[in-house]
Amino acid sequence: MVRWAIALHGGAGTISRDSVAPEMKQKIEDSLNNCLQAGISALQSSSSAMDAVEIVVITYLYLQSRLSF
């Protein structure tokens, strides 16, 4: 049985949590969850770890550009 894990973080603290509206916080959390699901799907379909990382980053950049955060 192959075991794997995915760790995501929401940034390096450049945006204060107190300065973000609750709606935007939810959008950011949803985006990170979408990235996590993309990585899980990639690994479950036997993609390499590097491919999974690439998929997660591309998904994040796409969602970031759509949300403008």
PDB file of N, CA and C in Angstrom:
ATOM      1  N   MET A   1       0.828  -1.186   0.000  1.00  0.00           N
ATOM      2  CA  MET A   1       0.000   0.000   0.000  1.00  0.00           C
ATOM      3  C   MET A   1       0.871   1.248   0.000  1.00  0.00           C
ATOM      4  N   VAL A   2       0.590   2.143  -0.920  1.00  0.00           N
ATOM      5  CA  VAL A   2       1.341   3.395  -1.009  1.00  0.00           C
ATOM      6  C   VAL A   2       0.684   4.423  -0.095  1.00  0.00           C
ATOM      7  N   ARG A   3       1.495   5.083   0.694  1.00  0.00           N
ATOM      8  CA  ARG A   3       0.985   6.140   1.580  1.00  0.00           C
ATOM      9  C   ARG A   3       1.551   7.472   1.120  1.00  0.00           C
ATOM     10  N   TRP A   4       0.721   8.479   1.207  1.00  0.00           N
ATOM     11  CA  TRP A   4       1.161   9.814   0.839  1.00  0.00           C
ATOM     12  C   TRP A   4       0.424  10.835   1.689  1.00  0.00           C
ATOM     13  N   ALA A   5       0.908  12.057   1.673  1.00  0.00           N
ATOM     14  CA  ALA A   5       0.281  13.151   2.415  1.00  0.00           C
ATOM     15  C   ALA A   5       0.457  14.428   1.612  1.00  0.00           C
ATOM     16  N   ILE A   6      -0.439  15.343   1.810  1.00  0.00           N
ATOM     17  CA  ILE A   6      -0.358  16.654   1.168  1.00  0.00           C
ATOM     18  C   ILE A   6      -0.462  17.706   2.263  1.00  0.00           C
ATOM     19  N   ALA A   7       0.420  18.690   2.225  1.00  0.00           N
ATOM     20  CA  ALA A   7       0.363  19.805   3.176  1.00  0.00           C
ATOM     21  C   ALA A   7       0.236  21.105   2.380  1.00  0.00           C
ATOM     22  N   LEU A   8      -0.747  21.892   2.731  1.00  0.00           N
ATOM     23  CA  LEU A   8      -0.945  23.205   2.113  1.00  0.00           C
ATOM     24  C   LEU A   8      -0.936  24.260   3.206  1.00  0.00           C
ATOM     25  N   HIS A   9      -0.502  25.443   2.860  1.00  0.00           N
ATOM     26  CA  HIS A   9      -0.642  26.553   3.799  1.00  0.00           C
ATOM     27  C   HIS A   9      -1.166  27.748   3.025  1.00  0.00           C
ATOM     28  N   GLY A  10      -1.764  28.656   3.734  1.00  0.00           N
ATOM     29  CA  GLY A  10      -2.424  29.787   3.093  1.00  0.00           C
ATOM     30  C   GLY A  10      -1.543  30.999   2.905  1.00  0.00           C
ATOM     31  N   GLY A  11      -0.249  30.820   2.861  1.00  0.00           N
ATOM     32  CA  GLY A  11       0.643  31.949   2.626  1.00  0.00           C
ATOM     33  C   GLY A  11       1.638  32.127   3.752  1.00  0.00           C
ATOM     34  N   ALA A  12       2.414  33.177   3.625  1.00  0.00           N
ATOM     35  CA  ALA A  12       3.481  33.429   4.592  1.00  0.00           C
ATOM     36  C   ALA A  12       3.152  34.599   5.512  1.00  0.00           C
ATOM     37  N   GLY A  13       1.873  34.900   5.653  1.00  0.00           N
ATOM     38  CA  GLY A  13       1.475  35.941   6.588  1.00  0.00           C
ATOM     39  C   GLY A  13       1.524  37.348   6.047  1.00  0.00           C
ATOM     40  N   THR A  14       1.475  37.507   4.731  1.00  0.00           N
ATOM     41  CA  THR A  14       1.534  38.858   4.164  1.00  0.00           C
ATOM     42  C   THR A  14       0.196  39.585   4.272  1.00  0.00           C
ATOM     43  N   ILE A  15      -0.885  38.845   4.499  1.00  0.00           N
ATOM     44  CA  ILE A  15      -2.204  39.443   4.654  1.00  0.00           C
ATOM     45  C   ILE A  15      -2.668  39.157   6.079  1.00  0.00           C
ATOM     46  N   SER A  16      -2.996  40.200   6.802  1.00  0.00           N
ATOM     47  CA  SER A  16      -3.499  40.037   8.158  1.00  0.00           C
ATOM     48  C   SER A  16      -4.894  39.430   8.120  1.00  0.00           C
ATOM     49  N   ARG A  17      -5.124  38.405   8.915  1.00  0.00           N
ATOM     50  CA  ARG A  17      -6.447  37.768   8.952  1.00  0.00           C
ATOM     51  C   ARG A  17      -7.528  38.758   9.350  1.00  0.00           C
ATOM     52  N   ASP A  18      -7.179  39.717  10.197  1.00  0.00           N
ATOM     53  CA  ASP A  18      -8.163  40.695  10.656  1.00  0.00           C
ATOM     54  C   ASP A  18      -8.578  41.671   9.559  1.00  0.00           C
ATOM     55  N   SER A  19      -7.754  41.818   8.537  1.00  0.00           N
ATOM     56  CA  SER A  19      -8.056  42.794   7.482  1.00  0.00           C
ATOM     57  C   SER A  19      -8.822  42.178   6.307  1.00  0.00           C
ATOM     58  N   VAL A  20      -9.102  40.881   6.366  1.00  0.00           N
ATOM     59  CA  VAL A  20      -9.785  40.205   5.268  1.00  0.00           C
ATOM     60  C   VAL A  20     -11.261  40.008   5.637  1.00  0.00           C
ATOM     61  N   ALA A  21     -12.135  40.409   4.721  1.00  0.00           N
ATOM     62  CA  ALA A  21     -13.570  40.251   4.945  1.00  0.00           C
ATOM     63  C   ALA A  21     -13.934  38.771   5.044  1.00  0.00           C
ATOM     64  N   PRO A  22     -14.944  38.448   5.845  1.00  0.00           N
ATOM     65  CA  PRO A  22     -15.336  37.038   6.000  1.00  0.00           C
ATOM     66  C   PRO A  22     -15.635  36.350   4.671  1.00  0.00           C
ATOM     67  N   GLU A  23     -16.243  37.063   3.722  1.00  0.00           N
ATOM     68  CA  GLU A  23     -16.548  36.449   2.420  1.00  0.00           C
ATOM     69  C   GLU A  23     -15.268  36.063   1.693  1.00  0.00           C
ATOM     70  N   MET A  24     -14.251  36.936   1.774  1.00  0.00           N
ATOM     71  CA  MET A  24     -12.978  36.644   1.106  1.00  0.00           C
ATOM     72  C   MET A  24     -12.256  35.506   1.817  1.00  0.00           C
ATOM     73  N   LYS A  25     -12.336  35.462   3.151  1.00  0.00           N
ATOM     74  CA  LYS A  25     -11.733  34.348   3.886  1.00  0.00           C
ATOM     75  C   LYS A  25     -12.312  33.024   3.398  1.00  0.00           C
ATOM     76  N   GLN A  26     -13.630  32.999   3.205  1.00  0.00           N
ATOM     77  CA  GLN A  26     -14.288  31.780   2.740  1.00  0.00           C
ATOM     78  C   GLN A  26     -13.830  31.419   1.332  1.00  0.00           C
ATOM     79  N   LYS A  27     -13.691  32.420   0.461  1.00  0.00           N
ATOM     80  CA  LYS A  27     -13.229  32.173  -0.907  1.00  0.00           C
ATOM     81  C   LYS A  27     -11.802  31.622  -0.907  1.00  0.00           C
ATOM     82  N   ILE A  28     -10.952  32.180  -0.049  1.00  0.00           N
ATOM     83  CA  ILE A  28      -9.573  31.704   0.039  1.00  0.00           C
ATOM     84  C   ILE A  28      -9.544  30.264   0.553  1.00  0.00           C
ATOM     85  N   GLU A  29     -10.328  29.992   1.595  1.00  0.00           N
ATOM     86  CA  GLU A  29     -10.387  28.626   2.136  1.00  0.00           C
ATOM     87  C   GLU A  29     -10.917  27.652   1.088  1.00  0.00           C
ATOM     88  N   ASP A  30     -11.947  28.052   0.359  1.00  0.00           N
ATOM     89  CA  ASP A  30     -12.492  27.202  -0.702  1.00  0.00           C
ATOM     90  C   ASP A  30     -11.447  26.937  -1.781  1.00  0.00           C
ATOM     91  N   SER A  31     -10.664  27.959  -2.119  1.00  0.00           N
ATOM     92  CA  SER A  31      -9.609  27.799  -3.126  1.00  0.00           C
ATOM     93  C   SER A  31      -8.559  26.802  -2.666  1.00  0.00           C
ATOM     94  N   LEU A  32      -8.153  26.912  -1.397  1.00  0.00           N
ATOM     95  CA  LEU A  32      -7.169  25.966  -0.868  1.00  0.00           C
ATOM     96  C   LEU A  32      -7.736  24.550  -0.840  1.00  0.00           C
ATOM     97  N   ASN A  33      -9.012  24.412  -0.512  1.00  0.00           N
ATOM     98  CA  ASN A  33      -9.643  23.091  -0.544  1.00  0.00           C
ATOM     99  C   ASN A  33      -9.679  22.535  -1.968  1.00  0.00           C
ATOM    100  N   ASN A  34      -9.947  23.397  -2.945  1.00  0.00           N
ATOM    101  CA  ASN A  34      -9.917  22.960  -4.350  1.00  0.00           C
ATOM    102  C   ASN A  34      -8.520  22.485  -4.745  1.00  0.00           C
ATOM    103  N   CYS A  35      -7.507  23.198  -4.290  1.00  0.00           N
ATOM    104  CA  CYS A  35      -6.126  22.796  -4.574  1.00  0.00           C
ATOM    105  C   CYS A  35      -5.826  21.442  -3.936  1.00  0.00           C
ATOM    106  N   LEU A  36      -6.255  21.274  -2.704  1.00  0.00           N
ATOM    107  CA  LEU A  36      -6.051  20.004  -2.010  1.00  0.00           C
ATOM    108  C   LEU A  36      -6.724  18.867  -2.767  1.00  0.00           C
ATOM    109  N   GLN A  37      -7.951  19.074  -3.195  1.00  0.00           N
ATOM    110  CA  GLN A  37      -8.671  18.039  -3.937  1.00  0.00           C
ATOM    111  C   GLN A  37      -7.984  17.719  -5.266  1.00  0.00           C
ATOM    112  N   ALA A  38      -7.431  18.740  -5.920  1.00  0.00           N
ATOM    113  CA  ALA A  38      -6.707  18.503  -7.174  1.00  0.00           C
ATOM    114  C   ALA A  38      -5.482  17.626  -6.924  1.00  0.00           C
ATOM    115  N   GLY A  39      -4.762  17.905  -5.837  1.00  0.00           N
ATOM    116  CA  GLY A  39      -3.596  17.092  -5.496  1.00  0.00           C
ATOM    117  C   GLY A  39      -3.974  15.663  -5.134  1.00  0.00           C
ATOM    118  N   ILE A  40      -5.045  15.515  -4.368  1.00  0.00           N
ATOM    119  CA  ILE A  40      -5.518  14.179  -3.998  1.00  0.00           C
ATOM    120  C   ILE A  40      -5.911  13.397  -5.245  1.00  0.00           C
ATOM    121  N   SER A  41      -6.650  14.029  -6.132  1.00  0.00           N
ATOM    122  CA  SER A  41      -7.071  13.349  -7.368  1.00  0.00           C
ATOM    123  C   SER A  41      -5.871  12.897  -8.183  1.00  0.00           C
ATOM    124  N   ALA A  42      -4.864  13.777  -8.262  1.00  0.00           N
ATOM    125  CA  ALA A  42      -3.665  13.425  -9.025  1.00  0.00           C
ATOM    126  C   ALA A  42      -2.970  12.214  -8.423  1.00  0.00           C
ATOM    127  N   LEU A  43      -2.800  12.212  -7.105  1.00  0.00           N
ATOM    128  CA  LEU A  43      -2.106  11.101  -6.461  1.00  0.00           C
ATOM    129  C   LEU A  43      -2.921   9.811  -6.509  1.00  0.00           C
ATOM    130  N   GLN A  44      -4.231   9.934  -6.391  1.00  0.00           N
ATOM    131  CA  GLN A  44      -5.076   8.733  -6.463  1.00  0.00           C
ATOM    132  C   GLN A  44      -5.078   8.124  -7.863  1.00  0.00           C
ATOM    133  N   SER A  45      -4.800   8.940  -8.867  1.00  0.00           N
ATOM    134  CA  SER A  45      -4.764   8.417 -10.237  1.00  0.00           C
ATOM    135  C   SER A  45      -3.351   8.003 -10.638  1.00  0.00           C
ATOM    136  N   SER A  46      -2.488   7.827  -9.637  1.00  0.00           N
ATOM    137  CA  SER A  46      -1.115   7.340  -9.822  1.00  0.00           C
ATOM    138  C   SER A  46      -0.187   8.327 -10.515  1.00  0.00           C
ATOM    139  N   SER A  47      -0.516   9.621 -10.485  1.00  0.00           N
ATOM    140  CA  SER A  47       0.426  10.629 -10.985  1.00  0.00           C
ATOM    141  C   SER A  47       1.627  10.673 -10.042  1.00  0.00           C
ATOM    142  N   SER A  48       2.737  11.145 -10.555  1.00  0.00           N
ATOM    143  CA  SER A  48       3.922  11.268  -9.708  1.00  0.00           C
ATOM    144  C   SER A  48       3.716  12.406  -8.708  1.00  0.00           C
ATOM    145  N   ALA A  49       4.512  12.396  -7.655  1.00  0.00           N
ATOM    146  CA  ALA A  49       4.435  13.455  -6.651  1.00  0.00           C
ATOM    147  C   ALA A  49       4.718  14.811  -7.298  1.00  0.00           C
ATOM    148  N   MET A  50       5.681  14.848  -8.218  1.00  0.00           N
ATOM    149  CA  MET A  50       6.015  16.108  -8.879  1.00  0.00           C
ATOM    150  C   MET A  50       4.846  16.603  -9.735  1.00  0.00           C
ATOM    151  N   ASP A  51       4.177  15.683 -10.428  1.00  0.00           N
ATOM    152  CA  ASP A  51       3.007  16.069 -11.212  1.00  0.00           C
ATOM    153  C   ASP A  51       1.903  16.613 -10.297  1.00  0.00           C
ATOM    154  N   ALA A  52       1.713  15.984  -9.147  1.00  0.00           N
ATOM    155  CA  ALA A  52       0.695  16.444  -8.202  1.00  0.00           C
ATOM    156  C   ALA A  52       1.008  17.852  -7.714  1.00  0.00           C
ATOM    157  N   VAL A  53       2.267  18.112  -7.408  1.00  0.00           N
ATOM    158  CA  VAL A  53       2.672  19.458  -6.976  1.00  0.00           C
ATOM    159  C   VAL A  53       2.388  20.471  -8.082  1.00  0.00           C
ATOM    160  N   GLU A  54       2.740  20.125  -9.299  1.00  0.00           N
ATOM    161  CA  GLU A  54       2.499  21.028 -10.429  1.00  0.00           C
ATOM    162  C   GLU A  54       1.005  21.303 -10.596  1.00  0.00           C
ATOM    163  N   ILE A  55       0.189  20.296 -10.490  1.00  0.00           N
ATOM    164  CA  ILE A  55      -1.262  20.459 -10.612  1.00  0.00           C
ATOM    165  C   ILE A  55      -1.791  21.372  -9.504  1.00  0.00           C
ATOM    166  N   VAL A  56      -1.316  21.180  -8.282  1.00  0.00           N
ATOM    167  CA  VAL A  56      -1.761  22.018  -7.165  1.00  0.00           C
ATOM    168  C   VAL A  56      -1.358  23.474  -7.393  1.00  0.00           C
ATOM    169  N   VAL A  57      -0.130  23.712  -7.808  1.00  0.00           N
ATOM    170  CA  VAL A  57       0.342  25.082  -8.025  1.00  0.00           C
ATOM    171  C   VAL A  57      -0.421  25.752  -9.165  1.00  0.00           C
ATOM    172  N   ILE A  58      -0.625  25.042 -10.259  1.00  0.00           N
ATOM    173  CA  ILE A  58      -1.373  25.612 -11.384  1.00  0.00           C
ATOM    174  C   ILE A  58      -2.808  25.913 -10.966  1.00  0.00           C
ATOM    175  N   THR A  59      -3.421  25.018 -10.213  1.00  0.00           N
ATOM    176  CA  THR A  59      -4.779  25.247  -9.719  1.00  0.00           C
ATOM    177  C   THR A  59      -4.812  26.480  -8.826  1.00  0.00           C
ATOM    178  N   TYR A  60      -3.843  26.597  -7.924  1.00  0.00           N
ATOM    179  CA  TYR A  60      -3.781  27.754  -7.023  1.00  0.00           C
ATOM    180  C   TYR A  60      -3.620  29.051  -7.802  1.00  0.00           C
ATOM    181  N   LEU A  61      -2.696  29.067  -8.754  1.00  0.00           N
ATOM    182  CA  LEU A  61      -2.469  30.293  -9.524  1.00  0.00           C
ATOM    183  C   LEU A  61      -3.703  30.685 -10.327  1.00  0.00           C
ATOM    184  N   TYR A  62      -4.390  29.699 -10.883  1.00  0.00           N
ATOM    185  CA  TYR A  62      -5.611  29.976 -11.622  1.00  0.00           C
ATOM    186  C   TYR A  62      -6.670  30.582 -10.700  1.00  0.00           C
ATOM    187  N   LEU A  63      -6.884  29.946  -9.558  1.00  0.00           N
ATOM    188  CA  LEU A  63      -7.909  30.444  -8.625  1.00  0.00           C
ATOM    189  C   LEU A  63      -7.527  31.805  -8.047  1.00  0.00           C
ATOM    190  N   GLN A  64      -6.242  32.000  -7.793  1.00  0.00           N
ATOM    191  CA  GLN A  64      -5.762  33.288  -7.267  1.00  0.00           C
ATOM    192  C   GLN A  64      -6.034  34.402  -8.265  1.00  0.00           C
ATOM    193  N   SER A  65      -5.808  34.138  -9.529  1.00  0.00           N
ATOM    194  CA  SER A  65      -6.035  35.166 -10.552  1.00  0.00           C
ATOM    195  C   SER A  65      -7.515  35.486 -10.681  1.00  0.00           C
ATOM    196  N   ARG A  66      -8.367  34.511 -10.455  1.00  0.00           N
ATOM    197  CA  ARG A  66      -9.820  34.738 -10.548  1.00  0.00           C
ATOM    198  C   ARG A  66     -10.354  35.489  -9.330  1.00  0.00           C
ATOM    199  N   LEU A  67      -9.737  35.299  -8.182  1.00  0.00           N
ATOM    200  CA  LEU A  67     -10.214  35.954  -6.953  1.00  0.00           C
ATOM    201  C   LEU A  67      -9.547  37.295  -6.698  1.00  0.00           C
ATOM    202  N   SER A  68      -8.410  37.530  -7.340  1.00  0.00           N
ATOM    203  CA  SER A  68      -7.647  38.767  -7.137  1.00  0.00           C
ATOM    204  C   SER A  68      -7.249  38.949  -5.682  1.00  0.00           C
ATOM    205  N   PHE A  69      -6.708  37.886  -5.063  1.00  0.00           N
ATOM    206  CA  PHE A  69      -6.182  38.044  -3.696  1.00  0.00           C
ATOM    207  C   PHE A  69      -4.708  37.880  -3.696  1.00  0.00           C
TER     208      PHE A  69
END
